[in-house]
Every structure is written in C-alpha cells, then in structure tokens.
Protein backbone atom coordinates (compact mmCIF):
# COMPACT_ATOMS: atom_id res chain seq x y z
CA MET A 1 -8.40 9.22 -14.60
CA ASP A 2 -4.73 7.74 -15.52
CA PHE A 3 -2.00 10.50 -15.74
CA SER A 4 2.13 10.11 -16.48
CA LEU A 5 4.26 11.47 -14.12
CA ILE A 6 5.76 13.86 -17.34
CA GLU A 7 2.64 14.68 -18.73
CA VAL A 8 2.26 15.76 -15.19
CA VAL A 9 5.84 18.46 -15.07
CA ARG A 10 3.79 18.97 -18.67
CA ALA A 11 0.91 20.61 -17.62
CA VAL A 12 1.91 22.53 -14.28
CA ALA A 13 5.21 23.64 -16.63
CA SER A 14 2.25 25.48 -19.04
CA ALA A 15 0.55 27.16 -15.65
CA ALA A 16 3.72 28.26 -14.01
CA PRO A 17 6.54 28.79 -16.85
CA GLU A 18 8.61 31.58 -14.49
CA ARG A 19 8.02 29.93 -11.31
CA GLU A 20 11.36 28.62 -9.63
CA ALA A 21 10.93 25.09 -9.85
CA LEU A 22 14.08 23.71 -8.75
CA VAL A 23 16.97 25.44 -6.84
CA HIS A 24 20.06 24.56 -5.36
CA ARG A 25 23.06 26.92 -4.02
CA THR A 26 23.56 29.65 -8.10
CA ASN A 27 21.56 27.15 -9.87
CA ARG A 28 17.52 28.30 -10.37
CA LEU A 29 15.81 27.11 -12.23
CA THR A 30 12.02 28.11 -13.41
CA TYR A 31 9.67 25.47 -14.25
CA GLY A 32 9.61 26.73 -18.04
CA GLU A 33 13.53 25.39 -17.85
CA LEU A 34 13.70 22.53 -16.16
CA ILE A 35 11.10 21.45 -18.76
CA ALA A 36 13.33 22.65 -21.47
CA ARG A 37 16.70 21.13 -20.09
CA VAL A 38 14.19 17.58 -19.75
CA ASP A 39 13.37 17.42 -23.15
CA GLN A 40 16.90 17.90 -23.37
CA LEU A 41 17.58 14.07 -21.84
CA ALA A 42 14.92 12.93 -22.44
CA GLY A 43 15.78 13.39 -26.29
CA ALA A 44 19.72 12.43 -25.80
CA LEU A 45 18.72 9.20 -23.90
CA HIS A 46 16.04 7.89 -26.83
CA SER A 47 19.12 8.91 -29.67
CA ARG A 48 21.11 6.05 -27.63
CA GLY A 49 18.58 3.99 -28.35
CA LEU A 50 16.72 4.08 -25.16
CA GLY A 51 12.84 3.13 -24.41
CA VAL A 52 10.05 1.43 -25.01
CA VAL A 53 10.89 -2.84 -25.59
CA HIS A 54 7.83 -4.41 -24.96
CA GLN A 55 4.11 -3.04 -23.97
CA ARG A 56 2.76 -3.76 -20.58
CA ALA A 57 -0.27 -5.60 -21.98
CA ASP A 58 2.44 -8.25 -23.25
CA LEU A 59 3.82 -8.58 -19.68
CA ALA A 60 2.95 -10.58 -16.15
CA ASN A 61 3.02 -8.10 -13.40
CA TRP A 62 6.55 -8.85 -12.21
CA GLU A 63 8.23 -8.11 -15.96
CA SER A 64 9.13 -4.40 -17.32
CA GLY A 65 9.18 -3.97 -20.92
CA GLN A 66 10.86 -0.35 -20.95
CA ASP A 67 14.63 -0.03 -20.61
CA HIS A 68 15.93 0.53 -17.41
CA LEU A 69 18.42 3.49 -15.94
CA ALA A 70 20.45 3.78 -12.69
CA LEU A 71 20.56 6.80 -11.04
CA TYR A 72 24.16 6.61 -8.88
CA LEU A 73 24.07 9.97 -7.61
CA HIS A 74 24.28 12.60 -4.29
CA ASN A 75 20.79 15.48 -4.30
CA CYS A 76 21.52 17.71 -6.85
CA PRO A 77 19.42 19.08 -10.00
CA ALA A 78 19.95 16.24 -12.65
CA TYR A 79 18.65 13.47 -10.36
CA LEU A 80 15.45 15.04 -10.85
CA GLU A 81 16.25 15.93 -13.78
CA SER A 82 17.36 12.55 -15.27
CA MET A 83 14.18 11.04 -13.86
CA LEU A 84 11.41 13.33 -15.54
CA GLY A 85 14.05 13.60 -19.03
CA ALA A 86 14.09 9.36 -18.56
CA TYR A 87 9.86 9.86 -18.20
CA GLY A 88 9.95 11.42 -20.94
CA ALA A 89 12.11 9.21 -23.34
CA ARG A 90 9.49 6.13 -21.48
CA VAL A 91 12.59 4.93 -19.81
CA ALA A 92 12.04 3.58 -16.67
CA PRO A 93 15.09 5.26 -14.11
CA PHE A 94 15.20 4.13 -10.57
CA ASN A 95 17.44 4.89 -7.26
CA VAL A 96 20.84 3.27 -6.24
CA ASN A 97 22.64 3.41 -3.11
CA TYR A 98 25.08 5.92 -3.41
CA ARG A 99 26.85 4.17 -0.20
CA TYR A 100 27.07 0.33 -2.07
CA VAL A 101 30.60 -1.68 -2.42
CA ALA A 102 31.57 -2.66 -5.62
CA GLU A 103 29.82 -5.96 -5.28
CA GLU A 104 26.51 -4.62 -3.54
CA LEU A 105 26.60 -2.28 -6.83
CA ARG A 106 27.08 -5.86 -8.68
CA TYR A 107 23.89 -6.87 -7.65
CA LEU A 108 21.76 -4.50 -7.93
CA LEU A 109 23.15 -3.43 -11.31
CA ALA A 110 22.53 -7.56 -12.76
CA ASP A 111 19.03 -7.70 -10.56
CA SER A 112 17.84 -4.20 -12.30
CA GLY A 113 19.24 -5.68 -16.08
CA ALA A 114 20.36 -1.66 -15.82
CA ARG A 115 21.28 -0.15 -19.98
CA ALA A 116 22.02 3.06 -18.68
CA ILE A 117 24.04 4.99 -15.49
CA VAL A 118 23.53 8.41 -14.62
CA PHE A 119 26.46 9.10 -12.23
CA HIS A 120 28.57 10.96 -9.89
CA ALA A 121 31.57 11.44 -10.65
CA ALA A 122 32.78 10.77 -7.48
CA PHE A 123 31.72 7.35 -7.27
CA ALA A 124 32.96 6.08 -10.46
CA PRO A 125 35.82 4.39 -8.65
CA THR A 126 33.58 2.03 -7.67
CA LEU A 127 31.02 1.70 -11.30
CA ASP A 128 34.25 1.21 -13.06
CA ALA A 129 35.56 -2.12 -11.05
CA VAL A 130 32.21 -3.67 -11.66
CA ARG A 131 30.71 -2.64 -15.80
CA GLY A 132 33.51 -5.41 -16.65
CA ASP A 133 30.43 -7.94 -15.11
CA LEU A 134 27.44 -6.21 -16.90
CA PRO A 135 27.63 -6.35 -20.51
CA GLU A 136 23.97 -4.82 -21.26
CA LEU A 137 25.44 -1.23 -20.14
CA LYS A 138 25.73 0.46 -22.92
CA VAL A 139 24.81 4.41 -21.08
CA LEU A 140 27.24 5.88 -18.89
CA LEU A 141 26.34 9.47 -18.51
CA GLN A 142 29.33 11.09 -15.00
CA VAL A 143 27.65 14.19 -13.65
CA ALA A 144 30.53 16.65 -12.43
CA ASP A 145 31.56 16.78 -9.03
CA GLU A 146 34.35 18.41 -6.37
CA SER A 147 35.80 15.11 -6.05
CA GLY A 148 37.62 15.99 -10.12
CA ASN A 149 37.59 12.63 -10.96
CA PRO A 150 38.26 11.87 -14.81
CA LEU A 151 35.98 11.13 -17.18
CA LEU A 152 35.47 6.99 -17.54
CA PRO A 153 36.37 5.66 -20.18
CA GLY A 154 33.19 4.81 -21.91
CA ALA A 155 31.26 7.64 -20.58
CA GLU A 156 30.08 11.00 -21.65
CA TRP A 157 29.66 14.36 -19.28
CA TYR A 158 25.68 14.10 -18.47
CA GLU A 159 26.11 18.31 -19.24
CA ASP A 160 27.40 17.19 -23.04
CA ALA A 161 24.91 14.84 -23.08
CA VAL A 162 22.49 17.93 -22.10
CA ALA A 163 23.91 20.41 -24.24
CA ASP A 164 24.22 18.03 -27.46
CA SER A 165 20.89 16.35 -27.17
CA PRO A 166 18.42 16.66 -30.27
CA GLY A 167 15.45 17.75 -28.13
CA ARG A 168 12.09 16.37 -27.02
CA PRO A 169 12.01 12.88 -28.25
CA PRO A 170 9.03 11.39 -30.74
CA VAL A 171 7.51 9.17 -28.03
CA GLU A 172 4.17 9.17 -25.97
CA PRO A 173 4.25 8.61 -22.79
CA SER A 174 1.65 6.44 -21.30
CA PRO A 175 0.51 6.16 -17.70
CA ASP A 176 1.45 2.11 -18.30
CA ASP A 177 4.98 3.31 -18.25
CA LEU A 178 6.86 2.24 -15.12
CA TYR A 179 7.54 4.04 -11.88
CA ILE A 180 10.90 1.30 -10.34
CA LEU A 181 11.54 1.96 -6.56
CA TYR A 182 14.24 -0.50 -4.64
CA THR A 183 14.53 -1.11 -1.29
CA GLY A 184 16.60 -0.78 1.37
CA GLY A 185 17.75 -3.93 1.94
CA THR A 186 18.10 -3.31 5.28
CA THR A 187 16.55 -6.63 6.25
CA GLY A 188 16.96 -8.29 3.25
CA MET A 189 18.27 -8.20 0.03
CA PRO A 190 17.36 -4.95 -2.11
CA LYS A 191 14.35 -5.98 -4.52
CA GLY A 192 12.58 -3.47 -7.27
CA VAL A 193 9.18 -2.59 -6.67
CA LEU A 194 7.25 -1.58 -10.28
CA TRP A 195 4.48 0.92 -9.99
CA ARG A 196 2.51 1.93 -12.86
CA GLN A 197 3.08 5.44 -13.51
CA GLY A 198 -1.38 5.93 -12.91
CA ASP A 199 -1.00 4.34 -9.70
CA ILE A 200 2.13 5.73 -8.35
CA TYR A 201 0.96 9.48 -8.14
CA PRO A 202 -2.47 9.19 -6.55
CA ALA A 203 -0.94 6.76 -4.57
CA ALA A 204 1.81 8.46 -3.29
CA LEU A 205 2.81 11.86 -5.84
CA GLY A 206 0.11 13.97 -4.85
CA GLY A 207 -2.46 12.92 -7.97
CA ARG A 208 -5.55 13.80 -5.08
CA LYS A 209 -6.52 16.76 -4.32
CA ILE A 210 -5.56 18.07 -0.87
CA SER A 211 -8.62 19.15 0.41
CA THR A 212 -11.22 15.73 -0.93
CA GLY A 213 -8.78 13.40 -1.56
CA GLU A 214 -10.27 12.74 -4.91
CA GLU A 215 -8.48 11.97 -7.71
CA TYR A 216 -8.20 14.46 -10.50
CA SER A 217 -10.57 14.05 -13.42
CA GLY A 218 -8.57 15.78 -16.39
CA ILE A 219 -5.32 17.96 -16.63
CA ASP A 220 -6.88 21.16 -16.21
CA GLY A 221 -7.48 20.35 -12.66
CA ILE A 222 -4.11 19.49 -12.13
CA ILE A 223 -3.39 23.07 -14.21
CA GLU A 224 -5.83 25.13 -12.64
CA ASN A 225 -4.39 23.53 -8.66
CA ALA A 226 -0.90 24.59 -10.66
CA LYS A 227 -1.49 27.96 -10.52
CA ASN A 228 -2.30 28.35 -6.73
CA GLY A 229 1.10 26.17 -6.38
CA GLY A 230 4.11 28.40 -4.87
CA VAL A 231 5.18 26.72 -1.33
CA ARG A 232 9.24 26.69 -1.33
CA VAL A 233 9.62 22.66 0.35
CA VAL A 234 13.51 21.48 1.00
CA PRO A 235 13.53 17.30 1.07
CA SER A 236 16.48 16.95 3.09
CA ALA A 237 16.77 12.89 3.16
CA PRO A 238 18.56 11.34 -0.39
CA PHE A 239 16.67 10.75 -3.22
CA MET A 240 17.83 7.60 -3.59
CA HIS A 241 14.91 6.30 -1.38
CA GLY A 242 11.88 7.05 -1.54
CA ALA A 243 10.17 10.07 0.55
CA ALA A 244 12.76 11.92 -0.11
CA HIS A 245 12.39 12.55 -4.18
CA TRP A 246 8.47 11.79 -3.79
CA MET A 247 8.82 14.81 -1.37
CA ALA A 248 10.07 17.04 -4.37
CA LEU A 249 8.03 15.06 -7.50
CA ASN A 250 4.82 15.76 -4.92
CA ALA A 251 6.23 19.34 -5.55
CA PHE A 252 6.55 19.26 -9.61
CA HIS A 253 3.34 18.20 -8.83
CA ASN A 254 1.83 20.71 -6.77
CA GLY A 255 3.33 23.94 -8.66
CA ASN A 256 5.70 23.78 -5.37
CA THR A 257 9.37 25.52 -5.24
CA VAL A 258 11.62 22.53 -4.56
CA VAL A 259 14.76 23.19 -2.97
CA LEU A 260 18.20 21.82 -2.13
CA PRO A 261 20.22 22.75 1.10
CA ASP A 262 23.87 23.87 -0.07
CA ASN A 263 26.14 20.04 1.00
CA ALA A 264 23.20 18.04 -0.78
CA ALA A 265 25.33 14.82 -0.20
CA MET A 266 24.89 14.45 3.40
CA PHE A 267 22.88 15.67 6.60
CA ASP A 268 23.91 18.51 7.43
CA PRO A 269 20.93 20.33 10.35
CA ALA A 270 23.01 23.28 9.91
CA ASP A 271 22.63 23.44 6.83
CA LEU A 272 19.09 22.48 6.88
CA LEU A 273 17.85 25.57 9.14
CA ASP A 274 20.17 28.60 7.59
CA THR A 275 18.67 26.63 4.03
CA ILE A 276 14.78 27.06 5.31
CA GLU A 277 15.81 30.78 7.14
CA ARG A 278 17.21 32.20 3.45
CA GLU A 279 14.41 30.65 1.05
CA ARG A 280 12.06 31.01 3.19
CA ILE A 281 10.52 27.89 2.94
CA GLY A 282 7.84 26.73 3.87
CA ILE A 283 7.80 22.58 4.68
CA SER A 284 10.80 20.55 5.36
CA LEU A 285 11.10 16.84 5.10
CA ILE A 286 13.11 14.76 7.93
CA VAL A 287 13.56 11.21 8.53
CA GLY A 288 13.10 10.05 12.46
CA ASP A 289 14.96 10.44 15.00
CA ALA A 290 17.93 10.63 13.18
CA PHE A 291 17.36 13.55 12.06
CA GLY A 292 15.33 15.04 15.10
CA ARG A 293 18.20 14.98 17.60
CA PRO A 294 20.74 16.73 15.61
CA LEU A 295 18.06 19.69 14.39
CA LEU A 296 17.17 20.22 18.20
CA ASP A 297 20.84 20.52 18.94
CA GLU A 298 21.90 22.86 16.15
CA LEU A 299 18.80 24.37 17.36
CA HIS A 300 19.79 24.72 20.93
CA ARG A 301 23.07 25.90 19.49
CA ARG A 302 21.55 29.20 17.29
CA SER A 303 18.30 30.00 16.80
CA ARG A 304 17.33 31.61 13.03
CA ASP A 305 14.30 33.21 11.72
CA LEU A 306 12.37 30.57 10.79
CA PHE A 307 8.45 31.88 10.17
CA SER A 308 8.01 30.89 7.37
CA LEU A 309 8.46 27.03 8.36
CA SER A 310 4.43 26.04 8.97
CA LEU A 311 5.05 22.20 8.65
CA LEU A 312 8.15 19.60 9.38
CA ILE A 313 7.27 15.78 7.66
CA SER A 314 8.65 12.76 9.60
CA GLY A 315 9.14 10.28 7.08
CA GLY A 316 10.77 6.27 6.38
CA ALA A 317 10.95 6.46 9.87
CA ALA A 318 9.74 6.63 13.48
CA LEU A 319 10.21 10.54 15.47
CA SER A 320 9.70 9.15 18.69
CA ALA A 321 7.58 10.80 21.14
CA PRO A 322 10.43 12.79 23.07
CA VAL A 323 11.57 14.14 20.44
CA LYS A 324 8.45 15.20 18.67
CA THR A 325 7.51 17.30 21.81
CA ALA A 326 11.43 18.80 22.20
CA LEU A 327 10.79 19.75 18.97
CA LEU A 328 7.12 21.47 18.80
CA GLU A 329 8.89 23.03 21.72
CA GLN A 330 11.74 25.05 19.75
CA LEU A 331 8.89 25.87 16.74
CA PRO A 332 6.18 26.78 18.36
CA GLY A 333 4.43 27.46 14.77
CA VAL A 334 4.65 24.42 13.26
CA ALA A 335 2.72 21.16 12.87
CA ILE A 336 4.49 17.61 12.97
CA MET A 337 3.53 15.49 9.93
CA ASP A 338 4.20 11.47 10.70
CA GLY A 339 4.03 10.34 6.95
CA LEU A 340 3.10 6.10 7.12
CA GLY A 341 3.69 4.73 3.82
CA SER A 342 5.75 2.34 2.05
CA SER A 343 8.11 1.25 -1.15
CA GLU A 344 4.60 -0.78 -2.25
CA THR A 345 1.57 0.94 -0.69
CA GLY A 346 2.05 4.95 -1.49
CA GLN A 347 1.40 6.33 1.22
CA GLN A 348 -0.90 5.00 3.93
CA ALA A 349 -1.79 7.48 7.15
CA ASN A 350 -0.96 10.34 9.16
CA GLN A 351 -0.87 11.44 12.28
CA ILE A 352 -0.84 15.52 12.49
CA SER A 353 0.76 16.87 15.81
CA GLY A 354 0.67 20.40 17.28
CA GLY A 355 -1.45 22.70 17.30
CA GLY A 356 -3.27 21.38 21.25
CA ARG A 357 -3.34 18.10 19.55
CA PRO A 358 -1.85 15.16 21.24
CA VAL A 359 1.99 14.39 21.20
CA SER A 360 1.97 10.30 20.13
CA THR A 361 4.50 7.81 18.46
CA GLY A 362 2.48 5.24 16.26
CA THR A 363 -1.29 5.54 15.97
CA PHE A 364 -2.20 7.22 12.69
CA THR A 365 -5.01 8.83 10.26
CA PRO A 366 -6.08 5.80 7.85
CA GLY A 367 -5.61 7.19 4.83
CA THR A 368 -7.13 6.28 1.14
CA GLY A 369 -7.63 2.35 -0.11
CA MET A 370 -5.85 1.91 3.67
CA ALA A 371 -6.69 -1.57 5.34
CA ILE A 372 -5.78 -4.26 7.99
CA VAL A 373 -6.71 -8.11 7.26
CA SER A 374 -6.69 -11.30 9.62
CA GLU A 375 -3.25 -13.10 10.26
CA ASP A 376 -4.52 -15.54 7.92
CA LEU A 377 -4.75 -13.03 5.06
CA THR A 378 -8.43 -14.03 4.46
CA ARG A 379 -10.88 -11.10 5.67
CA ARG A 380 -10.40 -8.00 7.05
CA LEU A 381 -10.14 -6.58 10.20
CA ALA A 382 -12.56 -3.52 11.45
CA PRO A 383 -12.60 -1.20 14.28
CA GLY A 384 -12.05 -2.42 17.64
CA GLU A 385 -11.45 -6.03 16.60
CA ASP A 386 -8.89 -7.28 19.01
CA GLU A 387 -6.73 -9.39 16.24
CA LEU A 388 -3.36 -8.38 15.31
CA GLY A 389 -3.39 -8.44 11.74
CA TRP A 390 -1.05 -7.50 8.78
CA LEU A 391 -1.19 -3.96 7.45
CA ALA A 392 -2.43 -3.19 3.39
CA GLN A 393 -3.38 -0.88 0.82
CA GLN A 394 -6.51 -1.07 -1.57
CA GLY A 395 -7.15 -0.02 -4.82
CA ARG A 396 -4.02 1.48 -6.54
CA VAL A 397 -1.09 -0.49 -5.96
CA PRO A 398 1.67 -1.61 -6.99
CA LEU A 399 1.94 -4.23 -10.28
CA GLY A 400 4.98 -6.17 -8.48
CA TYR A 401 8.96 -7.24 -8.00
CA LEU A 402 11.25 -7.10 -10.45
CA GLY A 403 11.74 -11.00 -11.83
CA ASP A 404 9.79 -11.93 -9.10
CA GLU A 405 6.93 -14.22 -9.54
CA ALA A 406 7.28 -15.70 -5.87
CA LYS A 407 7.26 -12.49 -4.02
CA THR A 408 4.49 -11.23 -6.46
CA THR A 409 2.44 -13.45 -5.30
CA ARG A 410 2.84 -13.30 -1.48
CA THR A 411 2.85 -9.39 -1.56
CA PHE A 412 -0.25 -8.71 -3.21
CA PRO A 413 -2.47 -11.08 -1.88
CA THR A 414 -6.65 -11.49 -3.79
CA ILE A 415 -8.52 -10.76 0.27
CA ASP A 416 -12.33 -10.62 -0.58
CA GLY A 417 -11.97 -10.33 -4.04
CA VAL A 418 -10.20 -7.14 -3.76
CA ARG A 419 -5.88 -6.98 -4.52
CA MET A 420 -4.00 -6.04 -2.21
CA SER A 421 -0.35 -4.89 -0.62
CA VAL A 422 0.26 -6.71 2.29
CA PRO A 423 4.60 -5.88 2.85
CA GLY A 424 4.64 -7.28 6.44
CA ASP A 425 3.87 -4.27 8.50
CA ARG A 426 1.29 -5.36 12.06
CA ALA A 427 -1.07 -3.77 12.46
CA ARG A 428 -4.90 -2.95 14.04
CA PHE A 429 -7.33 -0.98 14.46
CA THR A 430 -8.28 0.67 17.38
CA THR A 431 -12.13 1.52 18.82
CA GLU A 432 -12.37 4.70 17.35
CA GLY A 433 -10.73 3.78 14.52
CA LEU A 434 -7.31 4.82 13.95
CA LEU A 435 -4.25 2.73 13.17
CA GLU A 436 -1.88 1.28 15.34
CA LEU A 437 0.99 0.34 14.37
CA HIS A 438 3.42 -2.22 15.86
CA GLY A 439 6.55 -2.67 13.27
CA ARG A 440 7.67 -4.56 10.53
CA ASP A 441 7.50 -8.56 11.03
CA SER A 442 10.80 -9.13 9.64
CA VAL A 443 12.62 -7.59 12.33
CA THR A 444 9.68 -8.99 15.36
CA ILE A 445 11.52 -10.43 18.41
CA ASN A 446 9.96 -14.17 19.41
CA SER A 447 11.45 -14.56 22.66
CA GLY A 448 9.68 -17.44 24.26
CA GLY A 449 6.53 -17.18 22.64
CA GLU A 450 5.78 -13.79 22.57
CA LYS A 451 6.51 -11.82 19.01
CA ILE A 452 8.16 -8.10 20.55
CA PHE A 453 8.66 -5.56 18.26
CA ALA A 454 11.63 -4.52 17.61
CA GLU A 455 10.19 -0.10 16.82
CA GLU A 456 8.54 -0.31 20.35
CA VAL A 457 11.33 -1.30 22.86
CA GLU A 458 13.01 1.18 20.52
CA ALA A 459 10.38 3.74 21.27
CA ALA A 460 11.23 2.35 25.49
CA LEU A 461 14.35 3.73 25.66
CA ALA A 462 13.92 6.98 23.79
CA HIS A 463 11.69 8.13 26.66
CA HIS A 464 15.43 8.58 28.49
CA SER A 465 17.27 11.59 28.34
CA ALA A 466 20.59 10.44 27.97
CA VAL A 467 19.25 8.05 24.67
CA TYR A 468 20.77 9.68 22.04
CA ASP A 469 20.03 6.53 18.85
CA VAL A 470 18.88 3.34 19.44
CA VAL A 471 18.48 0.23 17.81
CA VAL A 472 16.76 -3.01 19.65
CA THR A 473 17.34 -6.76 17.58
CA GLY A 474 17.57 -9.80 18.80
CA ARG A 475 20.14 -12.93 19.06
CA PRO A 476 19.58 -16.57 19.92
CA SER A 477 18.64 -17.79 22.94
CA GLU A 478 19.20 -21.26 24.17
CA ARG A 479 16.18 -20.04 27.07
CA TRP A 480 14.37 -17.61 24.93
CA GLY A 481 14.82 -19.36 21.54
CA GLN A 482 15.37 -14.74 20.46
CA GLU A 483 15.95 -12.26 23.01
CA VAL A 484 15.67 -8.87 22.86
CA ILE A 485 19.59 -6.67 22.60
CA ALA A 486 19.08 -2.91 22.60
CA VAL A 487 22.20 -1.20 20.66
CA VAL A 488 22.21 2.59 22.01
CA GLN A 489 24.75 5.57 21.39
CA PHE A 490 24.46 8.03 24.73
CA ARG A 491 24.19 11.47 24.01
CA ASP A 492 27.57 13.23 24.54
CA GLY A 493 28.71 13.32 28.40
CA GLU A 494 25.85 11.07 29.24
CA GLN A 495 26.20 7.93 30.46
CA ALA A 496 22.92 6.31 32.30
CA THR A 497 23.28 2.34 34.07
CA ASP A 498 21.03 -0.08 32.36
CA ALA A 499 19.38 -0.41 35.39
CA GLU A 500 17.95 3.48 34.85
CA LEU A 501 17.34 2.57 31.13
CA LEU A 502 14.86 -0.31 32.42
CA GLU A 503 13.00 1.88 34.56
CA VAL A 504 12.09 4.07 31.49
CA CYS A 505 11.11 0.69 29.43
CA SER A 506 8.83 0.00 33.30
CA SER A 507 6.47 2.89 31.63
CA HIS A 508 6.12 2.39 28.18
CA ILE A 509 6.53 -1.66 27.47
CA ALA A 510 5.42 -4.64 29.69
CA ARG A 511 8.35 -6.43 31.34
CA TYR A 512 8.52 -9.80 28.71
CA LYS A 513 9.55 -7.11 25.96
CA PHE A 514 12.98 -5.51 28.21
CA PRO A 515 16.43 -6.11 26.54
CA LYS A 516 18.15 -8.74 27.72
CA ALA A 517 20.80 -6.81 27.36
CA ILE A 518 22.01 -3.88 26.09
CA ILE A 519 25.05 -2.78 24.35
CA VAL A 520 26.07 0.77 24.21
CA VAL A 521 28.25 2.27 20.69
CA ASP A 522 29.59 4.85 20.15
CA LYS A 523 27.49 5.69 16.83
CA VAL A 524 24.20 4.17 15.92
CA LEU A 525 24.51 2.67 12.50
CA ARG A 526 21.55 4.26 9.93
CA SER A 527 21.33 5.28 6.64
CA PRO A 528 21.40 7.93 5.33
CA ALA A 529 18.38 8.39 4.83
CA GLY A 530 17.69 7.45 8.99
CA LYS A 531 16.89 3.92 8.47
CA ALA A 532 18.06 1.37 10.94
CA ASP A 533 20.85 -0.77 10.00
CA TYR A 534 19.29 -3.73 11.23
CA ARG A 535 21.94 -6.42 9.86
CA TRP A 536 24.60 -4.47 11.24
CA ALA A 537 22.59 -4.49 14.77
CA LYS A 538 22.82 -8.29 14.69
CA HIS A 539 26.67 -8.00 14.17
CA VAL A 540 26.92 -6.04 17.09
CA ALA A 541 24.92 -8.43 18.69
CA ALA A 542 25.94 -11.71 18.19
CA GLY A 543 29.53 -10.03 18.79
CA THR A 544 30.45 -10.88 15.36
CA LEU A 545 31.06 -7.19 13.49
C-alpha cells in the first residue's frame, strides 16, 4: 500500500499528539503543535495559488506536474515545517545548497522552475541578486535570523504567513505527489531526482518495519508503531543534503523526537556532544571522517555523560576504519552503523560495528532490493562472481531526473524485465553475499589502463596517524593518461613524509594505485555535509585554483 508523506505524519500525530516532535533551543513542539503549524503553512502556500498543475498519470517520468518550493535555509524548525507544509498543499519542496554563489543559485532555481522559496534572512542579498532573472519565482517567505537583514521587497515574513493562514487547505495529498532531492553537484551540475512519495517512504523514510523489512500494509500499522516511538535523535548534518533530512523524516514517521543542536547552521562537535548529553539523545547522525575526526578531538578535550547514546549513524561519506575504531574506544557502549544509499536509490545497505563485530570500511550487508548488475547492464551478478559490476536498486526507485529524458533513460534501465536504478557506483558481491563497494565511477582514475577508485586510496592514506583529512583525484599525465594525486591535510602539529605515507598505503592497496604526488594543504575543502569536493581537488592537483 502506498502513502503520502503528510498522511504518515498526520497518523503519527494522532497516535502521540503530546509527544515532543521537534526541539531546537527553547522551541519545543509536540506532534500536535507541529501538525498545527504545518497545516497553517500548507494553507498559506495554497492561498497563494500553489499546488498541482498536472496529474501524474499525464506526465513522463522526467516531468513534474506540481509547483516547486525552494528551501534555502540553514537547519531550523522552519525547514522541516516547510517540507511537511508543502506536502500538505501538494507543492513539491526541494533542497538548496546555501553555500552557492549567485550564479549557482540562479542555475538551480531556474533548473527547478521554482515558484516559491523559503529562505533565511542571511541569504537575502544573494537571492536579491538573481531573482530578477527568475520571473516564475513569485512567493518569497523570509525567515528571520541573527543576520538582522531587513525584509526583501516583495517578500513576506515566514511567521506572518503562518499566523495569517486560513489553515489546512481543501486538497487531498496523493502518494503520486513528488519528493524532490537535488544532487550535491560535487562532480557535475546538480540534478533534481524525482520520486513518488509512495516510493520514497519505504525506500528511505521509515516505511518498512525494522524487525522484518516489510512495508506497512495499512495506516493502522503505522499508528501502532508510532505509539512505541519516543527515541530522541539528532541529525548534525545540513538538511540541504539527503542524509540529514532523511533521518529527520524517518524520526517523524516512527513517532520519534528530532532535536537540533543549538548551533544548527554548522557542524560544531562540542555543541553536538552537549546536545546529546543535555537532551538524552539515543541516535545521532554524522557524515564520515569529516565529522568523525573533529568529534574524536572534542571527546579527548572534555568528557561528557553520554549514557543515552546507543547508535551513531554515518551516511553520505566514508567513515574510515581508523576513525571508527577510535570512536568505539571513546564510546564503548555505542554501535556505529554505516548507511549506504544515494539520491537515486534510497537506502541500500548497512554495516554495523561494535559489540564484538569487526571494524572495516567498504563492505556492507545488502538491504531490500539491492542488486549488482554487469558492466554492460545486461544481467544481475550473483555472490562470488569475480566481475566488477554496477551497484543497482530495484523495486522502489525514482521516476527520473527533472527535465532530463536522456539521463533518466541512462540511469534507470530495464534489466531482465526489471526497471532498476544504476547511478554509477562500482561494486561486487563477495562469496558470502556481502556488498564490496569500490566507489563512484565519476571519480574513478584511469591510470595506465587500470581503474583506480579515489575512495580506496583515500581509505589507505587515512590509516596514517598524521593524516587528518584526504581527498584523492586524477590529473592528466603524458605517461599514464591520468595519474593519482592525493590532497592531504595533516593534524595540527604533525607531519609525515611522502615515503611514510606510501609505506602505510602498501599495507592496504596495490602499488599501481599509489599517489604519484601528494599535495599538502592547510584544509581539505568539503561541503557542510562532509562530502568531498572533487572539483576543488582537481583544481588543486592541476595548480589552477
């Protein structure tokens, strides 16, 4: 059975109206209070003429029949209220990278065809610089913040729009309504991935029973599950990337409580740990080594009572084995789960460390619908086959990419009569049936005819104790075609020679994969969500930054 996302949240709110749903600083909303504000925002959007334009059945997979709402915000309650309120008005919200300069913002808002935007006042100057080029952008709701920037001409204050709303609109959301997630654009231009809400809910947002992996067959099962909720979770990454707002929506859909750190505009390890201690958090999300290493530094600086924390989830970037081991030593009662998924597949696999389980990086237990297909996209690969194939997903997969028929056709092929999502990660099955992930093909380096995956070289270098962060890329080479280049950030006060770094690599990767050059930088550039910026790394490697 399919559900719309707002239908699920309403069911949860009916089961636990007095339970805390969303906490940030002194702002504490119960499920009853949250759904009331969501209804007010939905009414505000509907009354401004936003909603469904064309029914899903009349559209191609790369087309949208709904108005789109851009979310140009730091993490805050308004972000999640805006997502749910848009779903209630049958408007499709989507994420905006708040680090974009004017040219990038103009591209994204034009590509998406956004008709409305909710934005923090801090971003008003950048939005003002481009909105004259966006005639379709009609509704502007500005969220007040510490910047003190005045209201943009033609915009409305977000809280005024909520307060003055006529209330829940007279529309009936559908499982066919869209969930849109824009890709990060670290290796190319961002693209909007279109999902039916009825598909993304079981694929990534808590629509399966944890005990069995089965989808909920009716709303009663969702309500009964919500009654047993109440786990307090804290996503530390920006909602502008999928990992963080997937965690938040998962929490809402299971009747749990979402808590935001006090400083929700950036990752602050001290603030995160203080929040876990103060709010008795059970589950926290981080993003790979970019969050894990600063967290370790803070755990060494000052101890805290973190008795409530039982699970640390890492998603969106690799958490290397050395960092994972060190975290488990500092947090002996905590398990660490690496989650594997993407904008185009939903959640695909996981790996759990702690409690006596071995610590590794890059090997996962497959989830529902995960598959590996041959390089020529003609068949599925079985466990034990030596062929390196493509990581794929079947069953609940996206419709396509907004406005891009060719990319939709390439990424979602039909194999053996089954429509699949194949976004570009190379992988193979072990003989035990585990997933062995090799990395994204778009950042693969072809050196001397050998394919070298950036992530495996990064993982090897990360074993050296002096390495704080590392990104690996390729650059042109007359001899090799491409050569491997490592961009390394050392720990404060520590250094290592190239020979020492390569010696560590020798225990983990073949010599042909070794970096031909190692470039030391003061700081490796990553997105606020911890994702490697491979375009920046290429410029560093080429000396063109």
